[in-house]
Every structure is written in structure tokens, then in C-alpha cells.
Protein backbone atom coordinates (compact mmCIF):
# COMPACT_ATOMS: atom_id res chain seq x y z
CA MET A 1 -0.08 9.17 -72.67
CA LEU A 2 -1.36 11.36 -75.85
CA PHE A 3 -4.42 9.96 -77.52
CA GLY A 4 -6.39 10.89 -80.68
CA THR A 5 -5.44 14.62 -82.13
CA GLN A 6 -3.23 15.35 -79.00
CA THR A 7 0.19 16.87 -79.62
CA VAL A 8 2.19 19.37 -78.22
CA ASN A 9 2.64 22.27 -79.88
CA ALA A 10 5.52 24.77 -80.53
CA GLN A 11 4.98 26.71 -77.37
CA GLY A 12 5.16 23.50 -75.12
CA HIS A 13 1.27 23.43 -74.69
CA LEU A 14 -0.97 20.46 -75.12
CA GLU A 15 -3.16 20.68 -78.08
CA ILE A 16 -6.37 18.83 -78.99
CA GLY A 17 -8.06 18.76 -82.09
CA GLY A 18 -5.65 21.61 -83.53
CA CYS A 19 -6.83 23.83 -80.55
CA ASP A 20 -4.36 25.02 -77.99
CA THR A 21 -5.73 24.12 -74.35
CA ILE A 22 -4.56 27.11 -72.89
CA GLU A 23 -6.67 29.22 -75.21
CA LEU A 24 -9.50 26.95 -74.66
CA ALA A 25 -9.12 27.37 -71.06
CA LYS A 26 -9.16 31.39 -71.49
CA GLN A 27 -12.03 31.56 -73.79
CA PHE A 28 -14.39 28.81 -72.23
CA GLY A 29 -13.14 29.03 -68.56
CA THR A 30 -12.45 26.03 -66.42
CA PRO A 31 -13.18 23.19 -65.20
CA LEU A 32 -14.00 22.29 -69.21
CA TYR A 33 -14.72 19.09 -70.40
CA VAL A 34 -13.06 18.89 -74.28
CA MET A 35 -14.01 16.52 -76.65
CA ASP A 36 -11.92 15.18 -79.49
CA GLU A 37 -14.61 14.68 -82.55
CA ALA A 38 -11.89 13.60 -84.90
CA LEU A 39 -11.24 10.43 -82.49
CA ILE A 40 -14.78 10.08 -81.74
CA ARG A 41 -15.46 9.35 -85.50
CA GLN A 42 -12.65 7.38 -85.87
CA ASN A 43 -13.70 4.72 -83.01
CA CYS A 44 -16.99 4.68 -84.59
CA ARG A 45 -15.53 3.59 -88.04
CA ASP A 46 -13.11 1.01 -86.44
CA TYR A 47 -15.85 -0.48 -84.71
CA LEU A 48 -17.79 -0.83 -87.91
CA LYS A 49 -14.98 -1.81 -89.94
CA GLY A 50 -13.41 -4.28 -87.38
CA PHE A 51 -16.55 -6.04 -86.97
CA ARG A 52 -18.12 -5.97 -90.49
CA SER A 53 -14.86 -7.24 -92.07
CA ARG A 54 -15.30 -10.33 -90.06
CA TYR A 55 -18.92 -10.56 -89.84
CA GLN A 56 -20.91 -8.59 -92.29
CA ASN A 57 -24.36 -9.02 -90.56
CA THR A 58 -23.20 -6.66 -87.69
CA GLU A 59 -24.65 -3.31 -86.01
CA ILE A 60 -22.86 -1.09 -83.60
CA ALA A 61 -25.22 0.76 -81.02
CA TYR A 62 -23.43 3.31 -79.21
CA ALA A 63 -24.11 3.32 -75.51
CA GLY A 64 -25.42 6.87 -74.89
CA LYS A 65 -25.07 6.50 -70.96
CA ALA A 66 -21.39 6.95 -71.52
CA PHE A 67 -21.70 10.62 -72.99
CA LEU A 68 -24.86 11.97 -74.34
CA THR A 69 -25.96 15.12 -75.57
CA THR A 70 -27.76 16.43 -78.69
CA ALA A 71 -24.54 16.98 -80.56
CA MET A 72 -23.29 13.42 -79.84
CA CYS A 73 -26.33 11.94 -81.27
CA ARG A 74 -25.84 13.79 -84.30
CA ILE A 75 -22.34 12.16 -84.67
CA VAL A 76 -23.50 8.69 -83.75
CA ASP A 77 -26.18 9.26 -86.46
CA GLN A 78 -23.77 10.41 -89.07
CA GLU A 79 -21.34 7.56 -88.65
CA GLY A 80 -24.11 5.20 -88.99
CA LEU A 81 -24.43 3.76 -85.65
CA TYR A 82 -27.30 2.67 -83.59
CA LEU A 83 -28.21 4.37 -80.44
CA ASP A 84 -28.62 2.51 -77.06
CA VAL A 85 -30.70 4.75 -74.39
CA ALA A 86 -31.48 3.71 -70.82
CA SER A 87 -33.97 6.36 -69.20
CA PRO A 88 -36.48 8.55 -70.63
CA GLY A 89 -33.97 11.45 -70.25
CA GLU A 90 -31.86 9.79 -72.83
CA LEU A 91 -34.55 8.91 -75.12
CA HIS A 92 -36.08 12.52 -75.13
CA THR A 93 -32.06 13.71 -76.00
CA ALA A 94 -32.10 11.42 -79.07
CA LEU A 95 -35.56 12.54 -80.12
CA LYS A 96 -34.58 16.43 -79.75
CA ALA A 97 -31.52 15.59 -81.77
CA ALA A 98 -33.63 13.97 -84.52
CA PHE A 99 -32.03 10.63 -84.17
CA PRO A 100 -33.75 7.93 -86.29
CA VAL A 101 -36.03 6.10 -83.95
CA GLU A 102 -35.85 2.88 -85.33
CA ARG A 103 -32.27 2.88 -84.64
CA ILE A 104 -32.66 3.00 -81.05
CA TYR A 105 -32.51 0.48 -78.35
CA TYR A 106 -34.32 1.19 -75.37
CA HIS A 107 -32.51 -0.35 -72.26
CA GLY A 108 -33.22 -0.06 -68.41
CA ASN A 109 -33.85 -2.29 -65.28
CA PHE A 110 -37.05 -0.45 -64.37
CA LYS A 111 -39.22 0.78 -67.16
CA THR A 112 -42.39 2.28 -65.84
CA GLU A 113 -45.56 1.52 -68.05
CA LEU A 114 -45.44 5.25 -68.99
CA ASP A 115 -41.83 4.51 -70.25
CA LEU A 116 -42.86 1.72 -72.44
CA ARG A 117 -46.11 3.43 -73.74
CA ILE A 118 -43.69 6.39 -74.94
CA ALA A 119 -41.43 4.24 -76.24
CA LEU A 120 -43.93 2.12 -78.28
CA ASN A 121 -45.72 5.52 -79.22
CA ARG A 122 -42.66 7.01 -80.49
CA GLY A 123 -41.58 4.00 -82.60
CA VAL A 124 -38.27 2.98 -80.87
CA GLY A 125 -36.56 0.27 -82.74
CA ARG A 126 -35.88 -2.55 -79.76
CA ILE A 127 -37.11 -2.64 -76.07
CA VAL A 128 -34.70 -4.51 -74.11
CA VAL A 129 -36.69 -6.49 -71.98
CA ASP A 130 -35.36 -6.93 -68.34
CA ASN A 131 -37.74 -8.63 -66.41
CA ILE A 132 -40.79 -10.59 -66.52
CA ARG A 133 -42.89 -7.68 -65.34
CA GLU A 134 -41.81 -5.57 -68.35
CA LEU A 135 -43.07 -8.56 -70.58
CA VAL A 136 -46.72 -8.50 -68.64
CA LEU A 137 -46.91 -4.51 -68.96
CA LEU A 138 -46.22 -4.88 -72.81
CA ARG A 139 -48.56 -7.63 -73.27
CA GLN A 140 -51.31 -5.31 -71.31
CA ILE A 141 -50.49 -2.11 -73.24
CA GLY A 142 -51.55 -4.02 -76.46
CA ARG A 143 -49.38 -2.35 -78.86
CA ARG A 144 -46.82 -4.74 -80.69
CA ALA A 145 -43.29 -4.39 -79.36
CA ASN A 146 -40.20 -5.35 -81.00
CA VAL A 147 -37.98 -6.70 -78.06
CA LEU A 148 -34.89 -8.20 -77.03
CA LEU A 149 -34.54 -10.28 -73.98
CA ARG A 150 -31.96 -9.25 -71.46
CA LEU A 151 -30.11 -12.14 -70.13
CA THR A 152 -27.76 -13.06 -67.48
CA PRO A 153 -25.31 -15.57 -68.12
CA GLY A 154 -23.64 -15.94 -64.67
CA ILE A 155 -20.19 -14.60 -65.75
CA ASP A 156 -18.11 -12.82 -63.23
CA PRO A 157 -16.03 -10.55 -65.11
CA HIS A 158 -12.63 -8.94 -64.09
CA THR A 159 -13.36 -5.59 -63.09
CA HIS A 160 -14.46 -3.55 -60.45
CA ARG A 161 -17.60 -5.09 -58.49
CA LEU A 162 -19.58 -1.94 -58.85
CA ILE A 163 -19.50 -2.11 -62.77
CA SER A 164 -20.10 -5.97 -62.99
CA THR A 165 -23.17 -6.97 -64.60
CA GLY A 166 -23.03 -10.40 -65.78
CA GLN A 167 -22.96 -12.55 -62.85
CA ALA A 168 -25.71 -14.49 -60.97
CA ASP A 169 -25.94 -12.31 -58.15
CA THR A 170 -27.19 -8.91 -60.05
CA LYS A 171 -30.20 -6.42 -60.59
CA PHE A 172 -29.91 -6.74 -64.20
CA GLY A 173 -31.57 -9.22 -66.67
CA MET A 174 -32.94 -12.42 -66.58
CA ASN A 175 -30.99 -15.35 -65.19
CA ILE A 176 -30.20 -18.23 -67.58
CA HIS A 177 -29.43 -21.03 -65.04
CA ASP A 178 -32.40 -20.71 -63.05
CA GLY A 179 -34.68 -20.91 -65.76
CA THR A 180 -36.21 -17.25 -65.58
CA ALA A 181 -34.66 -16.69 -69.22
CA MET A 182 -36.74 -19.45 -70.54
CA GLN A 183 -39.78 -18.91 -68.91
CA ALA A 184 -39.54 -15.23 -70.54
CA LEU A 185 -38.67 -16.89 -73.85
CA LYS A 186 -41.77 -18.78 -73.72
CA MET A 187 -43.92 -15.66 -72.27
CA ALA A 188 -42.53 -13.72 -75.27
CA LEU A 189 -43.28 -16.27 -77.88
CA SER A 190 -46.89 -17.09 -76.57
CA SER A 191 -48.07 -13.39 -77.12
CA ASP A 192 -49.43 -11.82 -80.44
CA ARG A 193 -48.43 -8.51 -78.73
CA ILE A 194 -44.63 -9.07 -78.57
CA SER A 195 -42.47 -9.65 -81.56
CA LEU A 196 -38.92 -11.34 -80.16
CA LYS A 197 -36.33 -10.28 -82.16
CA GLY A 198 -33.53 -11.80 -80.26
CA ILE A 199 -31.56 -11.94 -76.85
CA HIS A 200 -29.05 -9.30 -75.13
CA CYS A 201 -26.64 -9.67 -72.50
CA HIS A 202 -23.93 -7.38 -70.99
CA VAL A 203 -21.28 -8.63 -68.42
CA GLY A 204 -19.77 -5.58 -67.15
CA SER A 205 -17.70 -2.30 -67.86
CA GLN A 206 -14.03 -1.37 -68.20
CA LEU A 207 -12.98 -4.82 -69.39
CA LEU A 208 -9.59 -5.41 -70.12
CA ASP A 209 -9.63 -8.73 -71.56
CA THR A 210 -12.10 -10.63 -73.98
CA GLU A 211 -12.59 -13.73 -71.55
CA ALA A 212 -16.07 -12.57 -69.92
CA HIS A 213 -17.43 -11.61 -73.57
CA THR A 214 -16.47 -14.97 -75.23
CA ALA A 215 -17.89 -17.13 -72.37
CA ALA A 216 -20.82 -15.16 -72.30
CA ILE A 217 -21.51 -15.62 -75.99
CA GLY A 218 -20.96 -19.38 -75.53
CA ILE A 219 -23.56 -19.47 -72.93
CA MET A 220 -25.94 -17.66 -74.65
CA VAL A 221 -25.87 -19.52 -77.89
CA ALA A 222 -25.63 -22.94 -76.37
CA GLN A 223 -28.11 -22.54 -73.44
CA VAL A 224 -30.49 -20.44 -74.84
CA GLY A 225 -30.49 -19.95 -78.61
CA ASN A 226 -30.02 -23.70 -79.10
CA GLU A 227 -32.49 -25.16 -76.58
CA ALA A 228 -35.05 -22.89 -77.59
CA GLY A 229 -35.41 -23.74 -81.22
CA VAL A 230 -36.10 -20.60 -82.51
CA GLU A 231 -34.33 -18.47 -85.11
CA PHE A 232 -33.48 -15.30 -83.37
CA GLU A 233 -33.07 -12.13 -85.90
CA GLU A 234 -30.31 -10.87 -83.78
CA ILE A 235 -28.03 -11.51 -80.72
CA ASN A 236 -26.79 -8.75 -78.69
CA THR A 237 -23.43 -9.06 -76.88
CA GLY A 238 -23.34 -5.83 -74.90
CA GLY A 239 -20.47 -3.35 -74.58
CA GLY A 240 -17.75 -3.21 -71.68
CA LEU A 241 -14.40 -3.19 -73.68
CA GLY A 242 -12.20 -0.77 -71.26
CA ILE A 243 -9.64 1.98 -72.08
CA ARG A 244 -5.99 2.86 -71.14
CA TYR A 245 -6.68 5.18 -68.14
CA VAL A 246 -3.00 4.74 -66.95
CA GLU A 247 0.28 3.36 -68.40
CA LYS A 248 -0.51 -0.09 -67.03
CA ASP A 249 -3.48 -0.64 -68.51
CA ASN A 250 -3.40 -2.71 -71.57
CA PRO A 251 -6.80 -3.46 -73.08
CA PRO A 252 -7.43 -5.18 -76.60
CA THR A 253 -7.43 -2.78 -79.45
CA ILE A 254 -10.98 -2.48 -81.18
CA ASP A 255 -9.71 -4.62 -83.97
CA GLU A 256 -8.54 -7.21 -81.47
CA PHE A 257 -11.72 -7.11 -79.52
CA ALA A 258 -13.74 -7.34 -82.91
CA GLU A 259 -11.52 -10.49 -83.84
CA ALA A 260 -12.14 -12.26 -80.27
CA ILE A 261 -15.80 -11.51 -80.56
CA THR A 262 -16.78 -12.51 -84.05
CA HIS A 263 -14.51 -15.71 -83.66
CA ALA A 264 -16.40 -16.80 -80.27
CA PHE A 265 -19.70 -15.84 -81.91
CA THR A 266 -19.40 -17.89 -85.06
CA SER A 267 -17.62 -20.69 -83.13
CA ALA A 268 -20.50 -20.96 -80.97
CA LEU A 269 -23.04 -21.04 -83.70
CA ASP A 270 -21.44 -23.81 -85.61
CA GLY A 271 -20.83 -25.69 -82.40
CA ASN A 272 -24.54 -25.73 -81.74
CA GLY A 273 -25.28 -26.78 -85.15
CA ILE A 274 -27.05 -23.42 -86.01
CA SER A 275 -26.81 -22.81 -89.50
CA TYR A 276 -28.35 -19.47 -89.79
CA ARG A 277 -26.62 -16.14 -89.17
CA PRO A 278 -28.31 -13.76 -86.67
CA ARG A 279 -27.24 -10.34 -86.76
CA LEU A 280 -24.65 -9.55 -84.18
CA VAL A 281 -24.91 -6.45 -82.41
CA GLN A 282 -22.40 -4.63 -80.09
CA GLU A 283 -22.95 -1.91 -77.68
CA PRO A 284 -19.52 0.19 -77.00
CA GLY A 285 -19.56 3.30 -75.01
CA ARG A 286 -16.70 3.90 -72.99
CA SER A 287 -14.28 2.73 -75.80
CA ILE A 288 -15.78 5.16 -78.43
CA VAL A 289 -15.69 8.51 -75.86
CA GLY A 290 -13.45 7.59 -73.15
CA MET A 291 -9.91 8.67 -74.37
CA ALA A 292 -11.60 11.42 -76.74
CA GLY A 293 -12.33 13.42 -73.41
CA THR A 294 -9.66 15.72 -71.43
CA THR A 295 -11.07 17.83 -68.63
CA LEU A 296 -8.91 21.12 -68.26
CA TYR A 297 -8.70 22.62 -64.68
CA THR A 298 -7.02 25.51 -63.15
CA VAL A 299 -4.40 24.73 -60.42
CA GLY A 300 -5.24 26.84 -57.10
CA THR A 301 -3.67 25.87 -53.79
CA ILE A 302 -0.57 23.75 -53.57
CA LYS A 303 0.51 22.39 -50.22
CA ASP A 304 3.09 20.20 -48.82
CA VAL A 305 1.90 18.15 -45.76
CA PRO A 306 4.07 15.64 -43.44
CA ILE A 307 3.49 12.05 -43.67
CA VAL A 308 5.00 9.08 -42.05
CA GLU A 309 5.55 7.20 -45.11
CA ASP A 310 8.44 7.98 -47.44
CA PRO A 311 9.33 10.57 -48.72
CA GLY A 312 7.98 12.03 -45.64
CA HIS A 313 5.54 14.53 -47.22
CA ARG A 314 2.70 14.72 -49.73
CA THR A 315 2.06 17.63 -52.30
CA TYR A 316 -1.57 18.51 -52.70
CA ILE A 317 -2.55 20.36 -55.62
CA THR A 318 -6.21 21.44 -55.64
CA VAL A 319 -7.89 22.31 -58.85
CA ASP A 320 -11.08 24.33 -59.47
CA GLY A 321 -13.29 21.07 -59.76
CA GLY A 322 -13.71 17.60 -58.34
CA MET A 323 -16.02 15.17 -57.68
CA SER A 324 -18.86 17.18 -58.71
CA ASP A 325 -17.66 16.97 -62.46
CA ASN A 326 -16.06 13.44 -62.07
CA PRO A 327 -17.53 11.41 -59.35
CA ARG A 328 -15.75 8.04 -60.46
CA PRO A 329 -12.73 7.92 -58.14
CA ALA A 330 -15.14 8.60 -55.09
CA LEU A 331 -17.55 6.20 -56.26
CA TYR A 332 -15.34 3.10 -57.10
CA GLY A 333 -11.56 4.16 -56.83
CA ALA A 334 -11.13 5.17 -60.76
CA VAL A 335 -7.55 6.11 -61.61
CA TYR A 336 -6.41 8.79 -63.98
CA THR A 337 -3.09 10.46 -65.33
CA ALA A 338 -2.73 14.19 -65.60
CA LEU A 339 -0.04 17.00 -67.08
CA ILE A 340 0.18 20.38 -66.81
CA ALA A 341 -1.16 21.74 -70.33
CA ASP A 342 0.90 24.82 -70.70
CA LYS A 343 4.24 22.70 -69.60
CA ALA A 344 3.39 19.83 -71.66
CA ASP A 345 6.91 19.54 -73.10
CA ARG A 346 8.67 19.42 -69.92
CA GLU A 347 9.80 16.32 -67.89
CA PRO A 348 7.10 15.18 -65.26
CA ASP A 349 9.29 15.28 -62.48
CA GLN A 350 6.97 15.71 -59.19
CA VAL A 351 4.70 13.09 -57.85
CA VAL A 352 1.73 14.87 -56.44
CA THR A 353 -1.81 14.25 -55.18
CA VAL A 354 -4.68 16.09 -57.18
CA SER A 355 -7.56 17.15 -54.83
CA GLY A 356 -10.51 19.02 -55.60
CA ARG A 357 -12.40 21.92 -53.98
CA HIS A 358 -15.33 20.23 -52.54
CA CYS A 359 -16.20 19.72 -48.96
CA GLU A 360 -15.11 16.28 -48.90
CA THR A 361 -11.61 14.12 -49.14
CA ASP A 362 -12.47 14.54 -52.83
CA LEU A 363 -9.11 12.97 -54.46
CA LEU A 364 -9.14 13.07 -58.07
CA ILE A 365 -6.03 11.31 -58.52
CA PRO A 366 -3.94 9.88 -55.31
CA ASN A 367 -0.58 9.89 -57.18
CA THR A 368 0.44 11.29 -60.29
CA ARG A 369 3.82 12.48 -61.75
CA ILE A 370 3.79 15.90 -63.39
CA ALA A 371 5.79 18.83 -64.40
CA GLU A 372 6.11 21.30 -61.43
CA ALA A 373 3.25 23.26 -61.14
CA LYS A 374 2.18 26.58 -59.86
CA PRO A 375 -1.05 28.32 -59.09
CA GLY A 376 -2.73 29.54 -62.33
CA ASP A 377 -1.38 26.65 -64.34
CA VAL A 378 -3.97 24.53 -66.42
CA MET A 379 -4.16 20.90 -65.55
CA ALA A 380 -5.44 18.34 -68.31
CA VAL A 381 -6.80 15.13 -66.81
CA GLN A 382 -6.82 12.56 -69.54
CA CYS A 383 -9.59 10.08 -70.59
CA THR A 384 -12.54 11.67 -69.20
CA GLY A 385 -14.79 11.44 -72.07
CA ALA A 386 -16.92 8.63 -70.37
CA TYR A 387 -18.67 8.64 -67.19
CA ASN A 388 -17.63 12.03 -66.39
CA TYR A 389 -20.12 14.82 -67.76
CA CYS A 390 -23.03 12.30 -67.70
CA MET A 391 -22.48 11.86 -63.84
CA SER A 392 -21.66 15.24 -62.97
CA SER A 393 -23.38 17.02 -60.19
CA ASN A 394 -24.14 20.13 -58.29
CA TYR A 395 -22.52 18.99 -55.20
CA ASN A 396 -21.82 21.92 -52.75
CA ARG A 397 -24.01 23.83 -55.37
CA PHE A 398 -20.91 24.05 -57.87
CA THR A 399 -22.07 24.68 -61.65
CA ARG A 400 -21.61 22.13 -64.17
CA PRO A 401 -18.77 22.62 -66.74
CA ALA A 402 -19.30 23.48 -70.45
CA VAL A 403 -18.61 20.88 -72.92
CA VAL A 404 -16.47 22.13 -76.09
CA LEU A 405 -16.16 19.81 -79.43
CA VAL A 406 -12.87 20.33 -80.94
CA ARG A 407 -11.69 19.54 -84.59
CA ASP A 408 -9.42 21.07 -87.47
CA GLY A 409 -8.74 23.85 -85.10
CA GLN A 410 -12.24 24.75 -84.14
CA ALA A 411 -14.14 24.56 -80.94
CA ASN A 412 -17.58 24.38 -80.61
CA VAL A 413 -19.82 24.47 -77.64
CA ILE A 414 -22.04 21.55 -77.31
CA VAL A 415 -23.23 21.92 -73.72
CA GLN A 416 -22.98 25.52 -72.26
CA ARG A 417 -21.58 26.09 -68.62
CA GLU A 418 -24.08 26.48 -65.87
CA THR A 419 -24.92 29.63 -64.36
CA LEU A 420 -25.29 30.58 -60.50
CA ASP A 421 -28.73 31.53 -61.47
CA ASP A 422 -29.29 28.30 -63.10
CA LEU A 423 -28.66 26.48 -59.58
CA VAL A 424 -31.66 27.91 -57.90
CA SER A 425 -34.02 28.08 -61.02
CA HIS A 426 -35.94 25.20 -59.68
CA ASP A 427 -35.94 26.23 -56.21
CA VAL A 428 -39.17 27.41 -54.59
CA ILE A 429 -39.84 29.27 -51.22
CA PRO A 430 -43.25 28.69 -50.07
CA ASP A 431 -45.37 31.33 -48.80
CA THR A 432 -44.95 29.87 -45.17
CA LEU A 433 -41.29 30.75 -45.40
CA ARG A 434 -41.92 34.52 -46.50
């Protein structure tokens, strides 16, 4: 379970991007998010090559919600991708990084009038309209908007219910089957203040097969594209390709994914008698950055407790982080693997439960096999590049970790570690309490 530039060096230490993780922990402290720049860039290139070699008129928009900093925006720009943002904060980050605004897609299921005005004033390339209300607001604002309509195809993907978005019962998009999508389409076409560029859907996240994607494409093209009689400039099929968090996970490769999506897309166009070829847009996030991220922790308390089940005891290893830097296990049972970074060449012969230091049960990994650990060792948790830093918090008033970008033996801080003073920088004691 080594990914990207990860290797085990002569000292038996885990190395990423030519950097010894033990030295990284010493230099930058723990917890520490480590991002493998070479792997991120390679994934961007694999997406472009995989899709364009099969369907030339393709654009890839990186889903910023997975991991977004100003440095990440620069990488995405340099690799020629578009950028998907879903909040004023994500848009502001992109603008601060001087990301080309015409290559930005603005998502979100609740955009305020102010959000829409800012997006239009800034010249955002595409506004992905989620609901009828947004169409009404855009018509009232009076500035011509380039939009995609986010549609709900009624597909129930094979993933956790909390990261499913394509089924009928969802807060996202406009339902195809109940007529809402066609109502929105007619509204958009009837307004001279809305330039309808195409349609969009997203069926879910961490998908380990292509069934939901290909089914959604067929529905999108057949029930909307064909019935509407409109030549859309683009059709955006969202993202959602999963990654290998644990050994049993077996998602398609980026190339296999591209083959399935482009085949389904062209087949749907041909099958519905659509002779023109709209732009195909994909919005990957996790599959670009997920396996490129590793979180380093320092091992603290180790204790054995008796349990009823075999083998009669459980070994808890507590690390100096937890749910404030990785809430995904607590949110929806996400599972990870780990290794002892300073003993990466040793046989993993101990089954342990990795817990955090918060005042909760705070289990990071319920069961994982590692080399025997002792206090002070560095533990590396794999595949934490997506939805870890971006979902981190100050629960229990812990500070958020730093993020370093590693490549060719060089480590650069791209997010500074928070300080204790940062925690209270926005606190206010009113005069009545003085």
C-alpha cells in the first residue's frame, strides 16, 4: 500500500517525494499533512490524456472541495485543468491565487443573491444552477450569466448514503423524472439574461465502479438532451471516482474510468440520434488528491484493555491528532490504513486500534495491522489527501495542522500550522463580562 512517490529508504523510513517522513515530522511537527506534488500532477495529466485520447472535446475541472489552497489552485492552473468551487470561500481562494476566472465552475445548492452577483461581477466561467430559485435570482440581477443546469437523474449509487447525490431523494439538483428539470430548461431558454451552456449531474462520491456514472449519462442525454431539442455546448457528468483506502478496495484506474465514461457518452449521443458532439466535462476531486496525501502523527499512549471477543484484549494506540484533523471516520465510517513510518521496512505483526486525543470515542482506525509501535514513533495514515484538511476543525480547541508539499527532496509549507493565539484571535469579551 505505497502510492505515488512513496518508498522505503535505506534507514527503513517511509519516504515521500524524496523526503524522509521522520525528518518532516521533526522539522514541521505533527500532526502534519504531507501532499505528494508529483502524484497530484500525474493524476491531472492522466485525466486529460485518458479522456482526450478517446474524446478530444473534453475538459477536466478539479473539484476544489476535496482539497483547496492557493498553492493547489496554482498546480491545477499549471496542469491546464478547470476548477470547480462550491462556496464564496473557495471562490475567494481561487481569486487570491490568480486562477483564470473564466475556467471556474461555481457550484452549490444554496447560492445567495450576493454570491451570484459576486460570481457574475468577477466573470466566473459557469454558474451551475441547482434550483429554480437561482434561475429567478439570475433573471432579476440582470447581468447575462453562462449557466449549466444541475439535474438529478434518479440514480442510487453504490456508496455510503451520506455521499450519495444522484438519487431522487436528495437536496441537490432538479429532478428529471418529476418535470422540474424540463421546467428549469424552459425558464432558462426563455430568458435573455441567461445563456444556457449545458447540463450537469453528479451521482455520488467514492464510487468503486462505473455503473452509476454510465446509467446517469444515458438518462441525461436521452431524457433531457434529446427531448429538449437544444444543442448544448457541454454536458458535465460530475466526478466521484473512488480511491483505494484499504487493500480490498479495487476502483477503476483513471484510464479505465475514462474508457467507460467516453464510451457511454458517445453511445448515448449516437443512440439518441444526436449528431453534434458537445464538450464533455468531468469533475474529479478525490481521485486526484486522495492518494497523494499522508498524515503524520506522533504515537503517544499505548494501552491494552480486556474484551469479550477473541483474542481477549484490544491494543489502543493514541496519536496526537484525531477527529479534528480527520472527521471522516466519525462522520460516515471511513476506513484507513496506517504504518509506523520509522519502521516501514518491518513486518506489520500487531493489530491495533488507532484513536485520537479528543474527548470523544474518536477512533481513527478501528483495526489495522502495523509494526510494533512505541511512544514517540511516527505513524503515517495513508490516503488522507481528500476531505481531511478541508474538513478539519478546532474541536476541543486543537490547532489545525500544517500542510507541506513535497517533491524531488524538497518540502514547502503551503498552509502554516495554527497557533494557540490563532484559536482566540476572533474571540471577543464584551464589556459586560469585564
